[in-house]
């Protein structure tokens, strides 16, 4: 869980032991709460970046392992 300012970039890193991970908006399994966070699948050792331009709290999960989750508070 992190707090960032509007306009900040957040980097998601796949440091897991699995080959693939994903960043998807809550609610699991529909991923429809914050559709801009449906960043998709990325491979082990790679990263995804998203810039948050709107204040609010954004919650997300890994579609393959939904217990891996977090939130981003944008101020």
C-alpha atoms as a PDB file:
ATOM      1  CA  UNK A   1       0.000   0.000   0.000  1.00  0.00           C
ATOM      2  CA  UNK A   2       1.371   3.404  -0.969  1.00  0.00           C
ATOM      3  CA  UNK A   3       0.431   7.088  -0.932  1.00  0.00           C
ATOM      4  CA  UNK A   4       1.386   9.243  -3.941  1.00  0.00           C
ATOM      5  CA  UNK A   5       0.616  12.689  -5.336  1.00  0.00           C
ATOM      6  CA  UNK A   6      -1.548  13.323  -8.395  1.00  0.00           C
ATOM      7  CA  UNK A   7       0.618  12.919 -11.507  1.00  0.00           C
ATOM      8  CA  UNK A   8       2.911  10.353  -9.888  1.00  0.00           C
ATOM      9  CA  UNK A   9       4.021   7.218 -11.675  1.00  0.00           C
ATOM     10  CA  UNK A  10       3.790   3.903  -9.831  1.00  0.00           C
ATOM     11  CA  UNK A  11       5.949   1.010 -10.975  1.00  0.00           C
ATOM     12  CA  UNK A  12       4.683  -2.547 -10.508  1.00  0.00           C
ATOM     13  CA  UNK A  13       7.466  -5.154 -10.528  1.00  0.00           C
ATOM     14  CA  UNK A  14       7.014  -8.880 -11.044  1.00  0.00           C
ATOM     15  CA  UNK A  15       9.439 -10.228  -8.466  1.00  0.00           C
ATOM     16  CA  UNK A  16       7.445 -13.401  -7.886  1.00  0.00           C
ATOM     17  CA  UNK A  17       8.579 -16.958  -8.373  1.00  0.00           C
ATOM     18  CA  UNK A  18       5.982 -17.479 -11.125  1.00  0.00           C
ATOM     19  CA  UNK A  19       6.565 -16.684 -14.778  1.00  0.00           C
ATOM     20  CA  UNK A  20       3.547 -14.381 -15.134  1.00  0.00           C
ATOM     21  CA  UNK A  21       1.706 -11.903 -12.940  1.00  0.00           C
ATOM     22  CA  UNK A  22      -0.931  -9.291 -13.632  1.00  0.00           C
ATOM     23  CA  UNK A  23      -2.163  -5.971 -12.322  1.00  0.00           C
ATOM     24  CA  UNK A  24      -5.941  -5.806 -12.335  1.00  0.00           C
ATOM     25  CA  UNK A  25      -8.475  -3.499 -10.763  1.00  0.00           C
ATOM     26  CA  UNK A  26     -10.652  -4.744  -7.975  1.00  0.00           C
ATOM     27  CA  UNK A  27     -13.309  -6.274  -7.859  1.00  0.00           C
ATOM     28  CA  UNK A  28     -12.122  -9.838  -8.452  1.00  0.00           C
ATOM     29  CA  UNK A  29     -12.853 -11.520 -10.847  1.00  0.00           C
ATOM     30  CA  UNK A  30     -14.612  -8.764 -12.840  1.00  0.00           C
ATOM     31  CA  UNK A  31     -11.824  -6.146 -12.618  1.00  0.00           C
ATOM     32  CA  UNK A  32     -14.316  -3.343 -13.204  1.00  0.00           C
ATOM     33  CA  UNK A  33     -13.893  -0.922 -10.292  1.00  0.00           C
ATOM     34  CA  UNK A  34     -10.925   1.059 -11.722  1.00  0.00           C
ATOM     35  CA  UNK A  35     -10.585  -0.071 -15.336  1.00  0.00           C
ATOM     36  CA  UNK A  36      -7.463   2.062 -15.897  1.00  0.00           C
ATOM     37  CA  UNK A  37      -5.667  -0.346 -13.543  1.00  0.00           C
ATOM     38  CA  UNK A  38      -6.254  -3.345 -15.798  1.00  0.00           C
ATOM     39  CA  UNK A  39      -2.626  -3.247 -16.904  1.00  0.00           C
ATOM     40  CA  UNK A  40      -2.504  -6.871 -17.939  1.00  0.00           C
ATOM     41  CA  UNK A  41       0.033  -9.649 -17.756  1.00  0.00           C
ATOM     42  CA  UNK A  42       3.756  -9.110 -17.333  1.00  0.00           C
ATOM     43  CA  UNK A  43       6.594 -11.577 -17.116  1.00  0.00           C
ATOM     44  CA  UNK A  44       8.904 -12.408 -14.223  1.00  0.00           C
ATOM     45  CA  UNK A  45      11.610  -9.752 -13.882  1.00  0.00           C
ATOM     46  CA  UNK A  46       9.680  -7.079 -15.804  1.00  0.00           C
ATOM     47  CA  UNK A  47       7.740  -3.990 -14.706  1.00  0.00           C
ATOM     48  CA  UNK A  48       4.630  -2.014 -15.586  1.00  0.00           C
ATOM     49  CA  UNK A  49       4.166   1.713 -14.959  1.00  0.00           C
ATOM     50  CA  UNK A  50       0.936   3.658 -14.460  1.00  0.00           C
ATOM     51  CA  UNK A  51       0.545   7.421 -13.915  1.00  0.00           C
ATOM     52  CA  UNK A  52      -2.235   8.414 -11.519  1.00  0.00           C
ATOM     53  CA  UNK A  53      -3.876  11.680 -12.566  1.00  0.00           C
ATOM     54  CA  UNK A  54      -7.034  11.557 -10.441  1.00  0.00           C
ATOM     55  CA  UNK A  55      -7.177  11.675  -6.623  1.00  0.00           C
ATOM     56  CA  UNK A  56      -8.710   8.704  -4.832  1.00  0.00           C
ATOM     57  CA  UNK A  57      -7.977   5.247  -3.495  1.00  0.00           C
ATOM     58  CA  UNK A  58      -7.280   2.539  -6.060  1.00  0.00           C
ATOM     59  CA  UNK A  59      -7.296  -1.117  -5.072  1.00  0.00           C
ATOM     60  CA  UNK A  60      -5.847  -3.881  -7.221  1.00  0.00           C
ATOM     61  CA  UNK A  61      -4.883  -7.557  -7.287  1.00  0.00           C
ATOM     62  CA  UNK A  62      -3.043 -10.161  -9.341  1.00  0.00           C
ATOM     63  CA  UNK A  63      -5.666 -12.022 -11.395  1.00  0.00           C
ATOM     64  CA  UNK A  64      -3.614 -15.249 -11.151  1.00  0.00           C
ATOM     65  CA  UNK A  65      -3.185 -14.942  -7.355  1.00  0.00           C
ATOM     66  CA  UNK A  66      -5.948 -12.642  -6.062  1.00  0.00           C
ATOM     67  CA  UNK A  67      -4.605 -12.834  -2.518  1.00  0.00           C
ATOM     68  CA  UNK A  68      -1.744 -10.647  -3.811  1.00  0.00           C
ATOM     69  CA  UNK A  69      -3.348  -7.246  -3.556  1.00  0.00           C
ATOM     70  CA  UNK A  70      -2.726  -3.658  -2.609  1.00  0.00           C
ATOM     71  CA  UNK A  71      -3.989  -0.111  -2.655  1.00  0.00           C
ATOM     72  CA  UNK A  72      -2.742   3.221  -3.886  1.00  0.00           C
ATOM     73  CA  UNK A  73      -3.929   6.428  -2.266  1.00  0.00           C
ATOM     74  CA  UNK A  74      -3.593   9.351  -4.686  1.00  0.00           C
ATOM     75  CA  UNK A  75      -3.634  12.817  -3.079  1.00  0.00           C
END
